[in-house]
């Protein structure tokens, strides 16, 4: 794990950007969907009101996908910056 100072800065900047993006998406699907559930109910998905579906199942699906997406992106950042763990 020999990295230069500038490489560490690039790694941290990219990791921080990924973390902020992930937290924004998490916030939208945790709180935003529930705040606007009544408005979302004007649309339907699989014959369910969209607000109900997103509150009951959709948010959970997004969270699982978000975890795998974050892990995949972070691994790519680690490899590109030379700080990935040996497999």
C-alpha atoms as a PDB file:
ATOM      1  CA  UNK A   1       0.000   0.000   0.000  1.00  0.00           C
ATOM      2  CA  UNK A   2       2.570   2.503  -1.184  1.00  0.00           C
ATOM      3  CA  UNK A   3       0.750   5.609  -2.311  1.00  0.00           C
ATOM      4  CA  UNK A   4       1.939   9.118  -2.921  1.00  0.00           C
ATOM      5  CA  UNK A   5       0.366  12.117  -1.265  1.00  0.00           C
ATOM      6  CA  UNK A   6      -1.412  13.262  -4.424  1.00  0.00           C
ATOM      7  CA  UNK A   7      -2.718   9.730  -5.052  1.00  0.00           C
ATOM      8  CA  UNK A   8      -4.171   9.691  -1.532  1.00  0.00           C
ATOM      9  CA  UNK A   9      -5.850  13.018  -2.191  1.00  0.00           C
ATOM     10  CA  UNK A  10      -7.368  11.727  -5.432  1.00  0.00           C
ATOM     11  CA  UNK A  11      -8.522   8.561  -3.655  1.00  0.00           C
ATOM     12  CA  UNK A  12     -10.093  10.513  -0.815  1.00  0.00           C
ATOM     13  CA  UNK A  13     -11.774  13.009  -3.162  1.00  0.00           C
ATOM     14  CA  UNK A  14     -13.332  10.242  -5.262  1.00  0.00           C
ATOM     15  CA  UNK A  15     -14.350   8.269  -2.152  1.00  0.00           C
ATOM     16  CA  UNK A  16     -15.894  11.357  -0.592  1.00  0.00           C
ATOM     17  CA  UNK A  17     -17.835  12.129  -3.790  1.00  0.00           C
ATOM     18  CA  UNK A  18     -19.130   8.534  -3.912  1.00  0.00           C
ATOM     19  CA  UNK A  19     -20.126   8.678  -0.243  1.00  0.00           C
ATOM     20  CA  UNK A  20     -22.018  11.966  -0.704  1.00  0.00           C
ATOM     21  CA  UNK A  21     -23.811  10.601  -3.776  1.00  0.00           C
ATOM     22  CA  UNK A  22     -24.767   7.448  -1.877  1.00  0.00           C
ATOM     23  CA  UNK A  23     -26.057   9.434   1.098  1.00  0.00           C
ATOM     24  CA  UNK A  24     -28.142  11.686  -1.166  1.00  0.00           C
ATOM     25  CA  UNK A  25     -29.721   8.643  -2.835  1.00  0.00           C
ATOM     26  CA  UNK A  26     -30.300   7.046   0.570  1.00  0.00           C
ATOM     27  CA  UNK A  27     -31.982  10.236   1.816  1.00  0.00           C
ATOM     28  CA  UNK A  28     -34.230  10.471  -1.236  1.00  0.00           C
ATOM     29  CA  UNK A  29     -35.427   6.876  -0.910  1.00  0.00           C
ATOM     30  CA  UNK A  30     -35.637   6.969   2.904  1.00  0.00           C
ATOM     31  CA  UNK A  31     -37.429  10.242   3.451  1.00  0.00           C
ATOM     32  CA  UNK A  32     -38.352  11.782   0.093  1.00  0.00           C
ATOM     33  CA  UNK A  33     -40.482   8.867  -1.043  1.00  0.00           C
ATOM     34  CA  UNK A  34     -42.414   8.853   2.226  1.00  0.00           C
ATOM     35  CA  UNK A  35     -42.876  12.630   2.293  1.00  0.00           C
ATOM     36  CA  UNK A  36     -44.349  12.573  -1.204  1.00  0.00           C
ATOM     37  CA  UNK A  37     -46.219   9.254  -0.948  1.00  0.00           C
ATOM     38  CA  UNK A  38     -49.628  10.872  -1.464  1.00  0.00           C
ATOM     39  CA  UNK A  39     -48.444  12.588  -4.633  1.00  0.00           C
ATOM     40  CA  UNK A  40     -46.752   9.401  -5.863  1.00  0.00           C
ATOM     41  CA  UNK A  41     -50.016   7.508  -5.343  1.00  0.00           C
ATOM     42  CA  UNK A  42     -51.369   9.263  -8.450  1.00  0.00           C
ATOM     43  CA  UNK A  43     -49.165   6.843 -10.431  1.00  0.00           C
ATOM     44  CA  UNK A  44     -49.260   3.066 -10.295  1.00  0.00           C
ATOM     45  CA  UNK A  45     -46.684   0.283 -10.532  1.00  0.00           C
ATOM     46  CA  UNK A  46     -47.774  -3.355 -10.897  1.00  0.00           C
ATOM     47  CA  UNK A  47     -51.338  -2.180 -10.161  1.00  0.00           C
ATOM     48  CA  UNK A  48     -50.284  -0.731  -6.786  1.00  0.00           C
ATOM     49  CA  UNK A  49     -50.185   2.987  -6.006  1.00  0.00           C
ATOM     50  CA  UNK A  50     -46.544   4.033  -6.507  1.00  0.00           C
ATOM     51  CA  UNK A  51     -46.275   5.704  -3.080  1.00  0.00           C
ATOM     52  CA  UNK A  52     -47.470   2.561  -1.349  1.00  0.00           C
ATOM     53  CA  UNK A  53     -45.199   0.322  -3.423  1.00  0.00           C
ATOM     54  CA  UNK A  54     -42.110   2.466  -2.823  1.00  0.00           C
ATOM     55  CA  UNK A  55     -42.797   2.654   0.912  1.00  0.00           C
ATOM     56  CA  UNK A  56     -43.474  -1.075   1.246  1.00  0.00           C
ATOM     57  CA  UNK A  57     -40.999  -2.678  -1.169  1.00  0.00           C
ATOM     58  CA  UNK A  58     -39.343  -0.235  -3.528  1.00  0.00           C
ATOM     59  CA  UNK A  59     -37.167   1.504  -0.952  1.00  0.00           C
ATOM     60  CA  UNK A  60     -35.874  -1.819   0.350  1.00  0.00           C
ATOM     61  CA  UNK A  61     -34.959  -2.952  -3.151  1.00  0.00           C
ATOM     62  CA  UNK A  62     -33.176   0.338  -3.797  1.00  0.00           C
ATOM     63  CA  UNK A  63     -31.211  -0.002  -0.524  1.00  0.00           C
ATOM     64  CA  UNK A  64     -29.932  -3.469  -1.438  1.00  0.00           C
ATOM     65  CA  UNK A  65     -28.966  -2.323  -4.938  1.00  0.00           C
ATOM     66  CA  UNK A  66     -27.324   0.780  -3.417  1.00  0.00           C
ATOM     67  CA  UNK A  67     -25.145  -1.354  -1.132  1.00  0.00           C
ATOM     68  CA  UNK A  68     -23.850  -3.475  -4.010  1.00  0.00           C
ATOM     69  CA  UNK A  69     -23.381  -0.439  -6.264  1.00  0.00           C
ATOM     70  CA  UNK A  70     -21.413   1.401  -3.551  1.00  0.00           C
ATOM     71  CA  UNK A  71     -19.193  -1.616  -2.926  1.00  0.00           C
ATOM     72  CA  UNK A  72     -18.518  -2.101  -6.635  1.00  0.00           C
ATOM     73  CA  UNK A  73     -17.715   1.610  -7.199  1.00  0.00           C
ATOM     74  CA  UNK A  74     -15.491   1.809  -4.103  1.00  0.00           C
ATOM     75  CA  UNK A  75     -13.534  -1.239  -5.217  1.00  0.00           C
ATOM     76  CA  UNK A  76     -12.975   0.361  -8.636  1.00  0.00           C
ATOM     77  CA  UNK A  77     -11.748   3.552  -6.972  1.00  0.00           C
ATOM     78  CA  UNK A  78      -9.402   1.555  -4.736  1.00  0.00           C
ATOM     79  CA  UNK A  79      -7.951  -0.372  -7.685  1.00  0.00           C
ATOM     80  CA  UNK A  80      -7.515   2.727  -9.836  1.00  0.00           C
ATOM     81  CA  UNK A  81      -5.740   4.566  -7.012  1.00  0.00           C
ATOM     82  CA  UNK A  82      -3.577   1.589  -6.077  1.00  0.00           C
ATOM     83  CA  UNK A  83      -4.924   1.005  -2.575  1.00  0.00           C
ATOM     84  CA  UNK A  84      -7.010  -2.113  -3.171  1.00  0.00           C
ATOM     85  CA  UNK A  85      -6.554  -5.058  -0.860  1.00  0.00           C
ATOM     86  CA  UNK A  86      -4.931  -8.195  -2.251  1.00  0.00           C
ATOM     87  CA  UNK A  87      -7.492 -10.776  -3.242  1.00  0.00           C
END
